[in-house]
Amino acid sequence: MTETANKVSNPAANKGKVNKKALIIGGVSLLAAAGIGYGIYHFFFKDKGDEDYSDEDSGGAKKVSKTFTNRDYPLSYGTHHPGVGILQLYLKKTYHANMGNYGKNKDGIDGKFGKVTKEAALKHLKKAVFTEKDIAGMRAALKFIKV
């Protein structure tokens, strides 16, 4: 009997050998399932709100971005920085501002300077750009606020 005929008629001879075609199909299926799962997560569970902001200062044209810029002072619309979290906490505790249900604790404190933060800052503090000195003052004031 030839070697090829022996492999077909004797399944025990194929034991331990890897079927490359099955591995490729399995890998592609796994990647597809992971991609679908990731898409479902972002559609249903990702925070929706402060992560979207628009910039209307460019000649009336509205640009929308899904990401925040990690940058240092001054803090303004579109910034993601720990100082923004201090600003949000200050607005919430001092003025009882509704900061939404964003962030890890769903208390509106997420460190992202988006639409809700900007509106609360303008309403209560009458400005929307904050220096390091501003945030330091808020941090100091928070030590004395009991709520």
Protein backbone atom coordinates (compact mmCIF):
# COMPACT_ATOMS: atom_id res chain seq x y z
CA MET A 1 0.00 0.00 0.00
CA THR A 2 1.30 3.45 -0.80
CA GLU A 3 1.95 6.08 1.88
CA THR A 4 -0.90 8.33 0.67
CA ALA A 5 -3.38 5.49 0.66
CA ASN A 6 -2.26 4.52 4.18
CA LYS A 7 -2.99 8.05 5.52
CA VAL A 8 -6.49 8.05 4.05
CA SER A 9 -7.39 4.57 5.22
CA ASN A 10 -5.68 4.81 8.62
CA PRO A 11 -6.91 7.79 10.70
CA ALA A 12 -4.60 6.77 13.55
CA ALA A 13 -1.64 7.75 11.38
CA ASN A 14 -2.98 11.35 11.22
CA LYS A 15 -3.32 11.67 15.01
CA GLY A 16 -1.36 14.62 16.41
CA LYS A 17 -1.02 16.38 13.07
CA VAL A 18 -2.41 19.90 12.81
CA ASN A 19 -4.92 20.82 10.15
CA LYS A 20 -3.66 24.24 8.97
CA LYS A 21 -6.87 25.10 7.16
CA ALA A 22 -8.92 24.54 10.35
CA LEU A 23 -6.50 26.72 12.34
CA ILE A 24 -6.80 29.58 9.85
CA ILE A 25 -10.60 29.37 9.81
CA GLY A 26 -10.67 29.24 13.62
CA GLY A 27 -8.35 32.24 13.92
CA VAL A 28 -10.35 34.33 11.46
CA SER A 29 -13.58 33.39 13.26
CA LEU A 30 -12.08 34.39 16.61
CA LEU A 31 -10.95 37.77 15.25
CA ALA A 32 -14.37 38.40 13.72
CA ALA A 33 -16.11 37.57 17.01
CA ALA A 34 -13.76 39.89 18.92
CA GLY A 35 -14.41 42.71 16.45
CA ILE A 36 -18.17 42.28 16.74
CA GLY A 37 -17.93 42.23 20.54
CA TYR A 38 -15.84 45.41 20.54
CA GLY A 39 -18.37 47.13 18.27
CA ILE A 40 -21.28 46.12 20.50
CA TYR A 41 -19.46 47.40 23.59
CA HIS A 42 -18.82 50.82 22.06
CA PHE A 43 -22.34 51.11 20.72
CA PHE A 44 -24.17 50.18 23.93
CA PHE A 45 -21.87 50.73 26.90
CA LYS A 46 -19.36 53.50 26.21
CA ASP A 47 -20.14 56.82 27.96
CA LYS A 48 -21.99 59.08 25.58
CA GLY A 49 -21.86 62.77 26.28
CA ASP A 50 -18.81 64.73 27.32
CA GLU A 51 -16.51 62.72 25.04
CA ASP A 52 -18.12 64.41 22.02
CA TYR A 53 -17.37 68.07 21.64
CA SER A 54 -17.56 70.50 18.81
CA ASP A 55 -15.53 73.54 17.91
CA GLU A 56 -17.65 76.30 16.47
CA ASP A 57 -14.89 78.94 16.47
CA SER A 58 -13.68 78.12 12.97
CA GLY A 59 -15.81 80.51 10.94
CA GLY A 60 -19.12 79.03 12.03
CA ALA A 61 -18.19 75.57 10.76
CA LYS A 62 -18.84 72.86 13.29
CA LYS A 63 -16.17 70.21 13.71
CA VAL A 64 -16.92 67.21 15.89
CA SER A 65 -14.21 65.12 17.50
CA LYS A 66 -14.52 61.92 19.52
CA THR A 67 -11.22 62.43 21.33
CA PHE A 68 -9.93 64.86 23.89
CA THR A 69 -6.53 66.44 23.83
CA ASN A 70 -4.21 65.59 26.70
CA ARG A 71 -2.49 68.86 27.30
CA ASP A 72 -1.29 71.10 30.07
CA TYR A 73 -2.59 74.49 31.16
CA PRO A 74 -4.56 76.49 30.33
CA LEU A 75 -7.48 74.08 30.51
CA SER A 76 -10.27 74.69 28.03
CA TYR A 77 -12.92 72.96 25.96
CA GLY A 78 -11.66 69.64 24.60
CA THR A 79 -8.96 69.14 27.24
CA HIS A 80 -8.49 65.87 29.14
CA HIS A 81 -6.47 66.60 32.29
CA PRO A 82 -6.62 65.85 36.05
CA GLY A 83 -7.15 69.58 36.66
CA VAL A 84 -10.46 69.34 34.81
CA GLY A 85 -11.56 66.79 37.42
CA ILE A 86 -10.81 69.37 40.15
CA LEU A 87 -12.86 71.95 38.22
CA GLN A 88 -15.75 69.49 37.86
CA LEU A 89 -15.67 68.56 41.54
CA TYR A 90 -15.54 72.24 42.51
CA LEU A 91 -18.56 73.05 40.32
CA LYS A 92 -20.46 70.09 41.72
CA LYS A 93 -19.74 70.74 45.40
CA THR A 94 -19.78 74.55 45.40
CA TYR A 95 -22.65 75.26 43.02
CA HIS A 96 -24.41 71.87 43.04
CA ALA A 97 -23.98 71.85 39.27
CA ASN A 98 -25.38 68.86 37.44
CA MET A 99 -22.28 67.35 35.86
CA GLY A 100 -24.12 64.45 34.23
CA ASN A 101 -23.42 60.78 34.82
CA TYR A 102 -20.03 60.44 33.21
CA GLY A 103 -16.81 59.03 34.60
CA LYS A 104 -15.91 55.94 36.58
CA ASN A 105 -18.38 56.64 39.39
CA LYS A 106 -21.06 58.11 37.09
CA ASP A 107 -20.85 61.35 39.11
CA GLY A 108 -19.81 63.63 36.24
CA ILE A 109 -16.17 63.78 37.36
CA ASP A 110 -14.24 62.35 34.44
CA GLY A 111 -11.44 64.89 33.80
CA LYS A 112 -12.80 65.73 30.33
CA PHE A 113 -13.65 69.33 29.53
CA GLY A 114 -16.69 68.79 27.34
CA LYS A 115 -20.05 70.41 26.74
CA VAL A 116 -21.48 69.82 30.25
CA THR A 117 -18.36 71.11 31.99
CA LYS A 118 -18.15 74.15 29.72
CA GLU A 119 -21.80 75.09 30.27
CA ALA A 120 -21.51 74.73 34.06
CA ALA A 121 -18.26 76.74 34.16
CA LEU A 122 -19.74 79.56 32.09
CA LYS A 123 -22.92 79.61 34.16
CA HIS A 124 -21.28 79.61 37.59
CA LEU A 125 -17.76 80.95 37.05
CA LYS A 126 -18.39 83.13 33.98
CA LYS A 127 -15.38 81.76 32.12
CA ALA A 128 -14.32 78.68 30.18
CA VAL A 129 -10.51 78.80 30.28
CA PHE A 130 -8.66 77.98 33.51
CA THR A 131 -5.04 78.46 34.51
CA GLU A 132 -2.99 76.36 36.89
CA LYS A 133 -3.52 79.09 39.52
CA ASP A 134 -7.32 78.84 39.08
CA ILE A 135 -7.27 75.08 39.63
CA ALA A 136 -4.93 75.41 42.64
CA GLY A 137 -7.42 77.83 44.22
CA MET A 138 -10.29 75.41 43.60
CA ARG A 139 -8.27 72.53 45.06
CA ALA A 140 -7.61 74.58 48.21
CA ALA A 141 -11.26 75.65 48.50
CA LEU A 142 -12.44 72.03 48.19
CA LYS A 143 -10.64 71.20 51.45
CA PHE A 144 -13.08 73.47 53.31
CA ILE A 145 -16.31 72.48 51.56
CA LYS A 146 -18.40 69.92 53.39
CA VAL A 147 -21.20 68.47 51.35
